[in-house]
Structure formats: C-alpha cells, structure tokens
C-alpha cells in the first residue's frame, strides 16, 4: 500500500469543494450542507473558489452553516492551489473544462498526497494526466478519481456489479457486455458543452488526439484488448427487441470501463468486449427514432449550447431520472441482466450526489495511490454509499 499523505491526520479539512460558486459546485456544497453539516461524525468540509465574497454569498444561499470555511483558490495561482490541497484530505472539483483549468490541480494533488475526484469527460486530457502524474500519485498515496459523475459512475460500477454477479452465478465473467440506456430524463450541462468544444479545439491543434479519442483502450497504457463493438450506427438489438442508437457518452464511458478492468487485473477477462447504445423502441417508429438520434449527435447541443454555469430549475432536477441496462453474454447462450436506475436529473441532481459521496467514500477507503476510476479505487464500497444515500439502485434483473 502507498504511504499515507504527509501530515494527513493533521489536515484542517476532510473535503474541499473547489468551484463551489459554479452551478454544479454549488449543488455539491448544498448536498453536503443538507446531509452532513453538523451531524456527529460528519466530514469537515469547506468551500473554495476565486472570490471570497461570492463564496460567502453561495454559502448563505444554500443554507450552509455560517462557520463553513471559505478558501480562495485559483487555477492560475499555483501557490493558492498548494495551500488548498495541503489543508484537506480530499478535493472535489467542478472547475472545467478540465483541459483548461484542471492540470495544475491534478499535479498539486499528486504532489501533496491529496485525494481528488472530478466530473471529467475529456479522455484526451485524462490520457495526458495519467502519463504525467500517475507515478507521482502512487508515490504520494494520492487517489485521483476522474469521471465521478453521470459520466462514468453508473456505467463503470454497473459493469463491475454485473460481472461480480455473473461470476458468482456462472463461475466466470461475461466476456461480452452490452450497455443499453433504456431511459434518460435530463439535460446536458453547460460544462459538458464547453468540454466538447475545447476537445475539438485541442484536436485541431494536435491531430494525434484523434487516435486517443477513437481508441477504447486509450486509458490502459501498455494493454490493448480485442476489437470492440463500435455502436456508431443505429441497429436492431435482438436481445431486447428494440432499436438502438449511438449514445453520446459512450466515448468516455467505455474507456473508463476498460481502465477499471485493466487496473483491477482484468477481472472481466483480457478478452472483454463492451459497448453502449441508447434504446428507442421496436418497429418502424423505433428505427426512425434511432436514426434521428444518430443525426442529432452530429450537433448534440443544437444551435445555442448552454453556457457554463447554466442548468435546470430545482423542479427539473428533481423530476429527472435514468435507467441503464447491462446484459452480460456468454458464447454458449447464457446471459445475465443487471439494472442501474437513478432519481434526479443525471447531469446535475444525481451527478452532484455522486461526486459528494465519492469524496466521502475516499475518506473511508485505504486503497493505494494512483490515477484510477471510481470503480478501481472504491468499487463496491461506493455502490453501497450510492444505494444508501444517493437514491441509485443496483440490482440483478434476470438470468438465462
């Protein structure tokens, strides 16, 4: 096991929410205030951002205690990041796009032995951070968990739990897993739109990133598994009797699922194959809908993408939901189905809960340092927290 961070037991805070004045960061802080502030054994947490005045305003707006610590820190000021990281055991950051504002923080956490979780869906940047800072994180004991929101926790942990159930039932993992999104009610965030825009700019500057974005094993350095299902065109899926369309988040989710398998020593098998698609319906209407989704993905945010900091109303967040099916298949026809379902808008209401609970799970975990995934670092312990606190269900549905 990697050594504990230097003076970890004497750090002033357990968790710092960095970016607490932004839309999603405010939701994370609001969740912590509503569910953990002032309770026995609750983590000591603080809010961080560029402006003390705005932090105080948000603290009062969300009903956090007046004693909640406020930390001024800025991605353009390395000294402020070092001071922030040295004061806490875990940093939860919502300050994106991460390829613009996240690199210094990852470096600082890796250097100071501070655990870290974000909402990143930027595989090119993640690829670069793994190459640059994984060794330092292992040496300091820092656990760096990328993609600790809707991308990619339900998918990463859904596959993890399916394969655990499949191995228990059949004696070996399912070599082929299909992820089929059965339903999703919610909106994309302004941060997601900005991340996609910056990724396209990065590709224009460095065309070699095209290979990274298209490679399902881009986050498994030194390992390349079998050819993978593409999921890029609409298709009729006999296993569910419905049409399936490309899923916009598959590009990042599949990479994280393969990285979890890689970091855990391939419990899903070295021959593991995985894809993600979104279901429409059966028949001609389902086919038309699947093709319409495929066309829409060519411009997923429409003519007027949301701006960073924008988001749905509290009612829209509360009324959102998602329903994801995982199907494990064996060559001899055996199969197992596993469902992951969540309340709240996936991109905001549920994501803010996932990030906060990831931070709390990191406090309780003693896993080794390094840049990983929620699945590889926390695994079933995080599933338990999400079941108990975030209104996300994980359960076997049927076997054949």
Protein backbone atom coordinates (compact mmCIF):
# COMPACT_ATOMS: atom_id res chain seq x y z
CA UNK A 1 0.00 0.00 0.00
CA UNK A 2 1.23 3.50 -0.79
CA UNK A 3 2.25 5.67 2.14
CA UNK A 4 -0.32 7.98 3.71
CA UNK A 5 -0.02 11.63 2.71
CA UNK A 6 2.40 13.57 4.86
CA UNK A 7 0.57 15.08 7.89
CA UNK A 8 -2.70 13.63 6.55
CA UNK A 9 -4.01 13.21 10.07
CA UNK A 10 -3.45 16.90 10.83
CA UNK A 11 -5.13 18.42 7.80
CA UNK A 12 -7.71 21.04 8.68
CA UNK A 13 -10.45 19.79 6.35
CA UNK A 14 -11.67 16.41 5.19
CA UNK A 15 -13.23 17.67 1.93
CA UNK A 16 -12.92 20.87 -0.06
CA UNK A 17 -15.45 21.61 -2.80
CA UNK A 18 -13.42 23.53 -5.38
CA UNK A 19 -15.61 25.56 -7.73
CA UNK A 20 -18.39 25.97 -5.16
CA UNK A 21 -19.61 29.21 -6.74
CA UNK A 22 -20.33 27.50 -10.07
CA UNK A 23 -23.65 25.84 -10.84
CA UNK A 24 -22.65 22.21 -10.21
CA UNK A 25 -20.19 23.03 -7.44
CA UNK A 26 -22.95 24.85 -5.59
CA UNK A 27 -25.13 21.72 -5.83
CA UNK A 28 -22.32 19.60 -4.35
CA UNK A 29 -21.89 22.04 -1.48
CA UNK A 30 -25.66 22.25 -0.99
CA UNK A 31 -25.86 18.44 -0.76
CA UNK A 32 -23.11 18.32 1.85
CA UNK A 33 -24.76 21.11 3.84
CA UNK A 34 -28.16 19.44 3.78
CA UNK A 35 -26.99 15.92 4.57
CA UNK A 36 -23.80 16.14 6.60
CA UNK A 37 -23.30 19.57 8.18
CA UNK A 38 -23.31 19.48 11.96
CA UNK A 39 -24.03 15.75 12.27
CA UNK A 40 -21.94 13.51 14.56
CA UNK A 41 -19.02 12.01 12.69
CA UNK A 42 -19.73 14.10 9.57
CA UNK A 43 -16.75 15.14 7.45
CA UNK A 44 -15.26 18.57 7.99
CA UNK A 45 -15.76 20.33 4.67
CA UNK A 46 -15.01 23.71 3.13
CA UNK A 47 -15.91 25.70 0.01
CA UNK A 48 -13.27 27.01 -2.39
CA UNK A 49 -13.30 29.36 -5.36
CA UNK A 50 -11.81 32.53 -6.78
CA UNK A 51 -13.86 35.07 -4.81
CA UNK A 52 -14.38 35.15 -1.05
CA UNK A 53 -17.41 37.40 -1.49
CA UNK A 54 -19.11 35.02 -3.93
CA UNK A 55 -18.28 32.04 -1.72
CA UNK A 56 -19.95 33.76 1.23
CA UNK A 57 -22.98 34.58 -0.91
CA UNK A 58 -23.36 30.96 -2.05
CA UNK A 59 -22.79 29.65 1.48
CA UNK A 60 -25.70 31.74 2.72
CA UNK A 61 -27.86 30.93 -0.31
CA UNK A 62 -27.61 27.16 0.17
CA UNK A 63 -28.16 27.33 3.93
CA UNK A 64 -24.71 26.12 4.91
CA UNK A 65 -23.57 27.00 8.44
CA UNK A 66 -22.03 30.44 8.78
CA UNK A 67 -18.94 28.70 10.17
CA UNK A 68 -18.33 26.82 6.89
CA UNK A 69 -14.70 27.59 5.94
CA UNK A 70 -14.14 29.55 2.72
CA UNK A 71 -10.92 29.16 0.76
CA UNK A 72 -9.78 31.46 -2.04
CA UNK A 73 -8.02 29.42 -4.72
CA UNK A 74 -7.50 29.92 -8.44
CA UNK A 75 -6.21 27.62 -11.17
CA UNK A 76 -3.95 30.45 -12.38
CA UNK A 77 -2.31 30.77 -8.93
CA UNK A 78 -0.28 27.62 -8.15
CA UNK A 79 0.53 28.78 -4.62
CA UNK A 80 -3.17 29.03 -3.78
CA UNK A 81 -3.76 25.50 -5.10
CA UNK A 82 -0.89 24.15 -3.00
CA UNK A 83 -2.26 25.83 0.12
CA UNK A 84 -5.75 24.48 -0.55
CA UNK A 85 -4.55 20.93 -1.16
CA UNK A 86 -2.29 20.96 1.87
CA UNK A 87 -5.29 21.88 4.03
CA UNK A 88 -7.52 18.94 3.08
CA UNK A 89 -7.64 15.19 2.62
CA UNK A 90 -9.92 15.29 -0.47
CA UNK A 91 -10.56 17.87 -3.19
CA UNK A 92 -13.79 17.62 -5.19
CA UNK A 93 -13.51 19.82 -8.27
CA UNK A 94 -16.17 21.01 -10.66
CA UNK A 95 -13.91 23.59 -12.32
CA UNK A 96 -13.89 22.69 -16.01
CA UNK A 97 -13.25 22.30 -18.82
CA UNK A 98 -10.50 20.38 -17.07
CA UNK A 99 -8.11 20.62 -20.00
CA UNK A 100 -8.18 24.40 -19.44
CA UNK A 101 -8.37 24.63 -15.66
CA UNK A 102 -7.55 21.22 -14.21
CA UNK A 103 -3.94 20.29 -14.97
CA UNK A 104 -2.30 22.31 -12.17
CA UNK A 105 -4.73 20.89 -9.62
CA UNK A 106 -4.05 17.28 -10.62
CA UNK A 107 -0.31 17.93 -10.40
CA UNK A 108 -0.71 19.57 -7.00
CA UNK A 109 -2.85 16.77 -5.57
CA UNK A 110 -0.44 14.13 -6.86
CA UNK A 111 2.48 16.01 -5.34
CA UNK A 112 0.90 16.73 -1.95
CA UNK A 113 -0.76 13.34 -1.45
CA UNK A 114 -4.27 14.79 -1.60
CA UNK A 115 -7.16 12.66 -2.86
CA UNK A 116 -9.09 14.09 -5.81
CA UNK A 117 -12.33 13.50 -7.70
CA UNK A 118 -13.83 15.36 -10.64
CA UNK A 119 -16.57 15.19 -13.28
CA UNK A 120 -14.25 14.92 -16.27
CA UNK A 121 -15.45 13.55 -19.59
CA UNK A 122 -12.36 14.64 -21.54
CA UNK A 123 -10.42 11.47 -22.47
CA UNK A 124 -7.61 13.29 -24.29
CA UNK A 125 -6.77 15.29 -21.18
CA UNK A 126 -7.17 12.25 -18.94
CA UNK A 127 -4.70 10.34 -21.16
CA UNK A 128 -2.19 13.16 -20.72
CA UNK A 129 -2.69 13.37 -16.94
CA UNK A 130 -2.17 9.63 -16.50
CA UNK A 131 1.12 9.80 -18.38
CA UNK A 132 2.29 12.89 -16.50
CA UNK A 133 1.18 12.28 -12.90
CA UNK A 134 0.28 8.64 -12.21
CA UNK A 135 3.75 7.84 -10.85
CA UNK A 136 3.75 10.85 -8.53
CA UNK A 137 0.28 9.96 -7.23
CA UNK A 138 1.40 6.41 -6.50
CA UNK A 139 4.46 7.71 -4.65
CA UNK A 140 2.50 10.22 -2.52
CA UNK A 141 -0.52 7.99 -1.92
CA UNK A 142 -2.95 10.38 -3.64
CA UNK A 143 -6.00 8.68 -5.21
CA UNK A 144 -7.04 10.57 -8.36
CA UNK A 145 -10.56 9.58 -9.48
CA UNK A 146 -11.66 11.03 -12.80
CA UNK A 147 -15.27 10.93 -14.08
CA UNK A 148 -17.05 10.69 -10.73
CA UNK A 149 -20.47 11.81 -12.04
CA UNK A 150 -23.01 10.52 -14.53
CA UNK A 151 -20.02 10.05 -16.75
CA UNK A 152 -18.99 7.49 -15.75
CA UNK A 153 -20.12 6.11 -12.36
CA UNK A 154 -23.38 4.33 -13.31
CA UNK A 155 -21.61 2.64 -16.24
CA UNK A 156 -18.30 1.90 -14.53
CA UNK A 157 -19.97 0.49 -11.41
CA UNK A 158 -22.80 -1.14 -13.38
CA UNK A 159 -20.33 -3.32 -15.27
CA UNK A 160 -18.38 -4.01 -12.07
CA UNK A 161 -21.51 -5.27 -10.30
CA UNK A 162 -22.79 -7.22 -13.30
CA UNK A 163 -19.50 -9.08 -13.61
CA UNK A 164 -19.44 -9.82 -9.88
CA UNK A 165 -22.96 -11.28 -10.13
CA UNK A 166 -22.14 -13.17 -13.34
CA UNK A 167 -19.00 -14.71 -11.85
CA UNK A 168 -20.91 -15.76 -8.72
CA UNK A 169 -23.68 -17.33 -10.81
CA UNK A 170 -21.71 -18.90 -13.67
CA UNK A 171 -18.17 -19.23 -12.35
CA UNK A 172 -16.57 -16.80 -14.81
CA UNK A 173 -17.11 -13.22 -16.01
CA UNK A 174 -19.22 -12.48 -19.08
CA UNK A 175 -16.80 -11.85 -21.98
CA UNK A 176 -19.34 -9.63 -23.74
CA UNK A 177 -21.35 -6.90 -22.02
CA UNK A 178 -23.89 -4.65 -23.68
CA UNK A 179 -24.94 -1.41 -22.03
CA UNK A 180 -28.34 -0.18 -23.20
CA UNK A 181 -29.73 3.10 -21.88
CA UNK A 182 -33.46 2.46 -21.50
CA UNK A 183 -34.39 5.94 -20.38
CA UNK A 184 -32.85 9.29 -19.50
CA UNK A 185 -34.75 12.42 -18.50
CA UNK A 186 -32.49 15.40 -18.05
CA UNK A 187 -30.26 17.92 -19.77
CA UNK A 188 -26.63 18.33 -20.75
CA UNK A 189 -24.71 20.81 -18.68
CA UNK A 190 -23.01 23.95 -19.93
CA UNK A 191 -19.77 22.43 -18.69
CA UNK A 192 -20.30 19.37 -20.91
CA UNK A 193 -20.82 21.61 -23.92
CA UNK A 194 -17.71 23.63 -23.08
CA UNK A 195 -15.65 20.45 -22.61
CA UNK A 196 -16.68 19.13 -26.03
CA UNK A 197 -15.86 22.48 -27.63
CA UNK A 198 -12.41 22.58 -26.04
CA UNK A 199 -11.75 18.96 -27.02
CA UNK A 200 -12.46 19.80 -30.67
CA UNK A 201 -10.09 22.79 -30.40
CA UNK A 202 -7.41 20.53 -28.89
CA UNK A 203 -7.80 18.07 -31.78
CA UNK A 204 -7.38 20.92 -34.26
CA UNK A 205 -4.12 21.88 -32.54
CA UNK A 206 -2.93 18.30 -32.11
CA UNK A 207 -4.45 15.85 -34.65
CA UNK A 208 -2.79 12.90 -32.87
CA UNK A 209 -5.58 13.20 -30.28
CA UNK A 210 -7.99 11.77 -32.85
CA UNK A 211 -6.44 8.35 -32.24
CA UNK A 212 -6.80 8.76 -28.48
CA UNK A 213 -10.46 9.74 -28.75
CA UNK A 214 -11.24 6.80 -31.01
CA UNK A 215 -9.28 4.17 -29.07
CA UNK A 216 -11.32 2.29 -26.43
CA UNK A 217 -8.00 1.37 -24.73
CA UNK A 218 -6.61 4.91 -24.67
CA UNK A 219 -6.59 4.84 -20.84
CA UNK A 220 -4.96 1.42 -20.46
CA UNK A 221 -1.29 2.16 -21.20
CA UNK A 222 0.57 -0.93 -22.36
CA UNK A 223 -2.57 -3.01 -22.91
CA UNK A 224 -4.76 -3.35 -25.98
CA UNK A 225 -7.65 -5.79 -25.88
CA UNK A 226 -9.74 -7.32 -28.64
CA UNK A 227 -11.61 -5.31 -31.25
CA UNK A 228 -14.66 -3.66 -29.73
CA UNK A 229 -18.24 -3.18 -30.95
CA UNK A 230 -18.46 0.33 -32.39
CA UNK A 231 -22.01 1.40 -31.54
CA UNK A 232 -21.74 4.21 -34.07
CA UNK A 233 -24.73 3.36 -36.25
CA UNK A 234 -28.37 2.57 -35.41
CA UNK A 235 -29.07 -1.15 -35.17
CA UNK A 236 -31.81 -3.54 -34.13
CA UNK A 237 -30.87 -5.33 -30.91
CA UNK A 238 -32.42 -8.80 -30.81
CA UNK A 239 -31.53 -9.25 -27.15
CA UNK A 240 -34.01 -6.55 -26.11
CA UNK A 241 -36.29 -6.45 -29.16
CA UNK A 242 -35.76 -2.75 -29.79
CA UNK A 243 -33.79 -0.39 -31.99
CA UNK A 244 -30.64 1.09 -30.52
CA UNK A 245 -28.99 4.40 -31.36
CA UNK A 246 -25.48 5.72 -30.66
CA UNK A 247 -25.05 7.04 -27.11
CA UNK A 248 -23.22 10.35 -26.79
CA UNK A 249 -21.36 9.40 -23.59
CA UNK A 250 -20.06 6.06 -24.88
CA UNK A 251 -16.74 7.58 -25.96
CA UNK A 252 -15.73 8.37 -22.39
CA UNK A 253 -17.64 5.65 -20.52
CA UNK A 254 -16.19 2.74 -22.49
CA UNK A 255 -12.66 3.98 -21.84
CA UNK A 256 -13.31 4.19 -18.10
CA UNK A 257 -14.85 0.71 -18.01
CA UNK A 258 -11.78 -0.73 -19.75
CA UNK A 259 -9.47 1.20 -17.39
CA UNK A 260 -11.21 -0.24 -14.35
CA UNK A 261 -10.81 -3.75 -15.77
CA UNK A 262 -7.15 -3.01 -16.52
CA UNK A 263 -6.31 -1.56 -13.09
CA UNK A 264 -8.04 -4.39 -11.22
CA UNK A 265 -6.06 -7.04 -13.10
CA UNK A 266 -8.71 -7.90 -15.71
CA UNK A 267 -11.44 -9.50 -13.56
CA UNK A 268 -13.73 -9.16 -16.61
CA UNK A 269 -11.15 -11.04 -18.70
CA UNK A 270 -8.45 -9.84 -21.08
CA UNK A 271 -10.84 -10.64 -23.94
CA UNK A 272 -13.63 -8.42 -22.58
CA UNK A 273 -15.82 -6.63 -25.15
CA UNK A 274 -18.16 -3.75 -24.28
CA UNK A 275 -20.33 -1.15 -25.94
CA UNK A 276 -23.04 1.38 -25.07
CA UNK A 277 -26.14 2.41 -27.01
CA UNK A 278 -29.47 4.11 -26.30
CA UNK A 279 -32.71 2.22 -26.87
CA UNK A 280 -35.68 3.65 -28.75
CA UNK A 281 -38.50 1.16 -29.49
CA UNK A 282 -39.44 -1.73 -31.76
CA UNK A 283 -40.73 -1.45 -35.32
CA UNK A 284 -40.58 1.30 -37.91
CA UNK A 285 -41.06 4.11 -35.39
CA UNK A 286 -38.15 2.82 -33.33
CA UNK A 287 -35.95 2.67 -36.41
CA UNK A 288 -36.82 6.24 -37.34
CA UNK A 289 -36.15 7.40 -33.81
CA UNK A 290 -32.77 5.64 -33.72
CA UNK A 291 -31.71 7.33 -36.95
CA UNK A 292 -32.95 10.68 -35.65
CA UNK A 293 -30.80 10.30 -32.55
CA UNK A 294 -27.80 9.48 -34.73
CA UNK A 295 -28.34 12.64 -36.76
CA UNK A 296 -28.84 14.75 -33.63
CA UNK A 297 -25.48 13.59 -32.25
CA UNK A 298 -23.75 15.35 -35.12
CA UNK A 299 -24.65 18.56 -33.29
CA UNK A 300 -25.62 17.39 -29.79
CA UNK A 301 -26.07 20.79 -28.21
CA UNK A 302 -28.10 22.37 -31.01
CA UNK A 303 -27.60 25.85 -32.36
CA UNK A 304 -27.38 27.51 -28.93
CA UNK A 305 -25.44 25.33 -26.49
CA UNK A 306 -25.88 26.08 -22.78
CA UNK A 307 -23.27 28.26 -21.15
CA UNK A 308 -21.07 27.03 -18.31
CA UNK A 309 -22.86 27.82 -15.06
CA UNK A 310 -26.33 27.35 -16.51
CA UNK A 311 -28.60 24.50 -15.56
CA UNK A 312 -32.14 23.27 -14.95
CA UNK A 313 -34.52 24.51 -12.29
CA UNK A 314 -34.87 22.67 -8.97
CA UNK A 315 -38.12 21.15 -10.24
CA UNK A 316 -36.45 19.91 -13.43
CA UNK A 317 -33.59 18.41 -11.43
CA UNK A 318 -36.00 16.68 -9.07
CA UNK A 319 -38.09 15.25 -11.92
CA UNK A 320 -35.13 13.85 -13.86
CA UNK A 321 -34.14 10.17 -13.92
CA UNK A 322 -32.17 7.49 -15.76
CA UNK A 323 -32.46 3.75 -16.35
CA UNK A 324 -29.50 1.74 -17.64
CA UNK A 325 -29.49 -1.97 -18.53
CA UNK A 326 -26.37 -4.14 -18.68
CA UNK A 327 -26.52 -7.50 -20.44
CA UNK A 328 -23.71 -9.99 -19.85
CA UNK A 329 -23.50 -12.60 -22.60
CA UNK A 330 -21.61 -15.90 -22.88
CA UNK A 331 -20.75 -17.77 -26.11
CA UNK A 332 -22.99 -20.70 -25.10
CA UNK A 333 -26.10 -18.53 -24.84
CA UNK A 334 -26.16 -17.92 -21.10
CA UNK A 335 -26.80 -14.33 -20.05
CA UNK A 336 -27.39 -12.08 -17.07
CA UNK A 337 -29.13 -8.71 -16.91
CA UNK A 338 -28.34 -6.00 -14.40
CA UNK A 339 -30.04 -2.62 -13.93
CA UNK A 340 -28.82 0.71 -12.62
CA UNK A 341 -31.50 3.34 -12.02
CA UNK A 342 -31.22 6.80 -10.55
CA UNK A 343 -33.53 9.54 -9.38
CA UNK A 344 -32.93 13.17 -10.29
CA UNK A 345 -31.55 14.84 -13.38
CA UNK A 346 -28.48 12.78 -14.37
CA UNK A 347 -26.22 15.70 -15.30
CA UNK A 348 -26.85 17.78 -12.17
CA UNK A 349 -29.07 16.38 -9.41
CA UNK A 350 -27.64 12.86 -9.45
CA UNK A 351 -24.13 13.90 -10.51
CA UNK A 352 -23.74 16.28 -7.55
CA UNK A 353 -24.70 13.46 -5.19
CA UNK A 354 -22.31 11.03 -6.87
CA UNK A 355 -19.36 13.41 -6.59
CA UNK A 356 -20.07 14.22 -2.94
CA UNK A 357 -20.44 10.54 -1.99
CA UNK A 358 -17.24 9.70 -3.89
CA UNK A 359 -15.44 12.18 -1.67
CA UNK A 360 -16.88 10.65 1.50
CA UNK A 361 -16.05 7.15 0.26
CA UNK A 362 -12.45 8.25 -0.33
CA UNK A 363 -12.23 9.31 3.31
CA UNK A 364 -13.20 5.82 4.42
CA UNK A 365 -11.05 3.96 1.89
CA UNK A 366 -7.44 2.89 2.34
CA UNK A 367 -6.70 1.87 -1.25
CA UNK A 368 -3.33 2.56 -2.85
CA UNK A 369 -2.49 5.82 -4.60
CA UNK A 370 -2.54 6.47 -8.32
CA UNK A 371 -4.78 7.78 -11.07
CA UNK A 372 -7.75 5.47 -11.34
CA UNK A 373 -11.51 5.32 -11.68
CA UNK A 374 -14.26 5.25 -9.07
CA UNK A 375 -14.64 1.55 -9.87
CA UNK A 376 -10.97 0.68 -9.45
CA UNK A 377 -10.36 2.85 -6.37
CA UNK A 378 -13.62 2.43 -4.45
CA UNK A 379 -15.58 -0.36 -6.13
CA UNK A 380 -18.47 -1.87 -4.19
CA UNK A 381 -17.94 0.46 -1.23
CA UNK A 382 -19.08 3.33 -3.45
CA UNK A 383 -22.03 1.28 -4.70
CA UNK A 384 -23.13 0.86 -1.09
CA UNK A 385 -22.89 4.60 -0.42
CA UNK A 386 -24.85 5.45 -3.57
CA UNK A 387 -27.56 2.95 -2.69
CA UNK A 388 -27.83 4.26 0.86
CA UNK A 389 -27.53 7.99 0.24
CA UNK A 390 -27.93 8.96 -3.44
CA UNK A 391 -31.12 7.07 -4.41
CA UNK A 392 -29.37 4.96 -7.06
CA UNK A 393 -30.32 1.29 -7.34
CA UNK A 394 -28.02 -1.51 -8.50
CA UNK A 395 -29.68 -4.92 -8.90
CA UNK A 396 -29.76 -8.15 -10.89
CA UNK A 397 -32.84 -8.28 -13.12
CA UNK A 398 -32.82 -11.74 -14.71
CA UNK A 399 -30.62 -14.56 -15.92
CA UNK A 400 -30.93 -17.05 -18.78
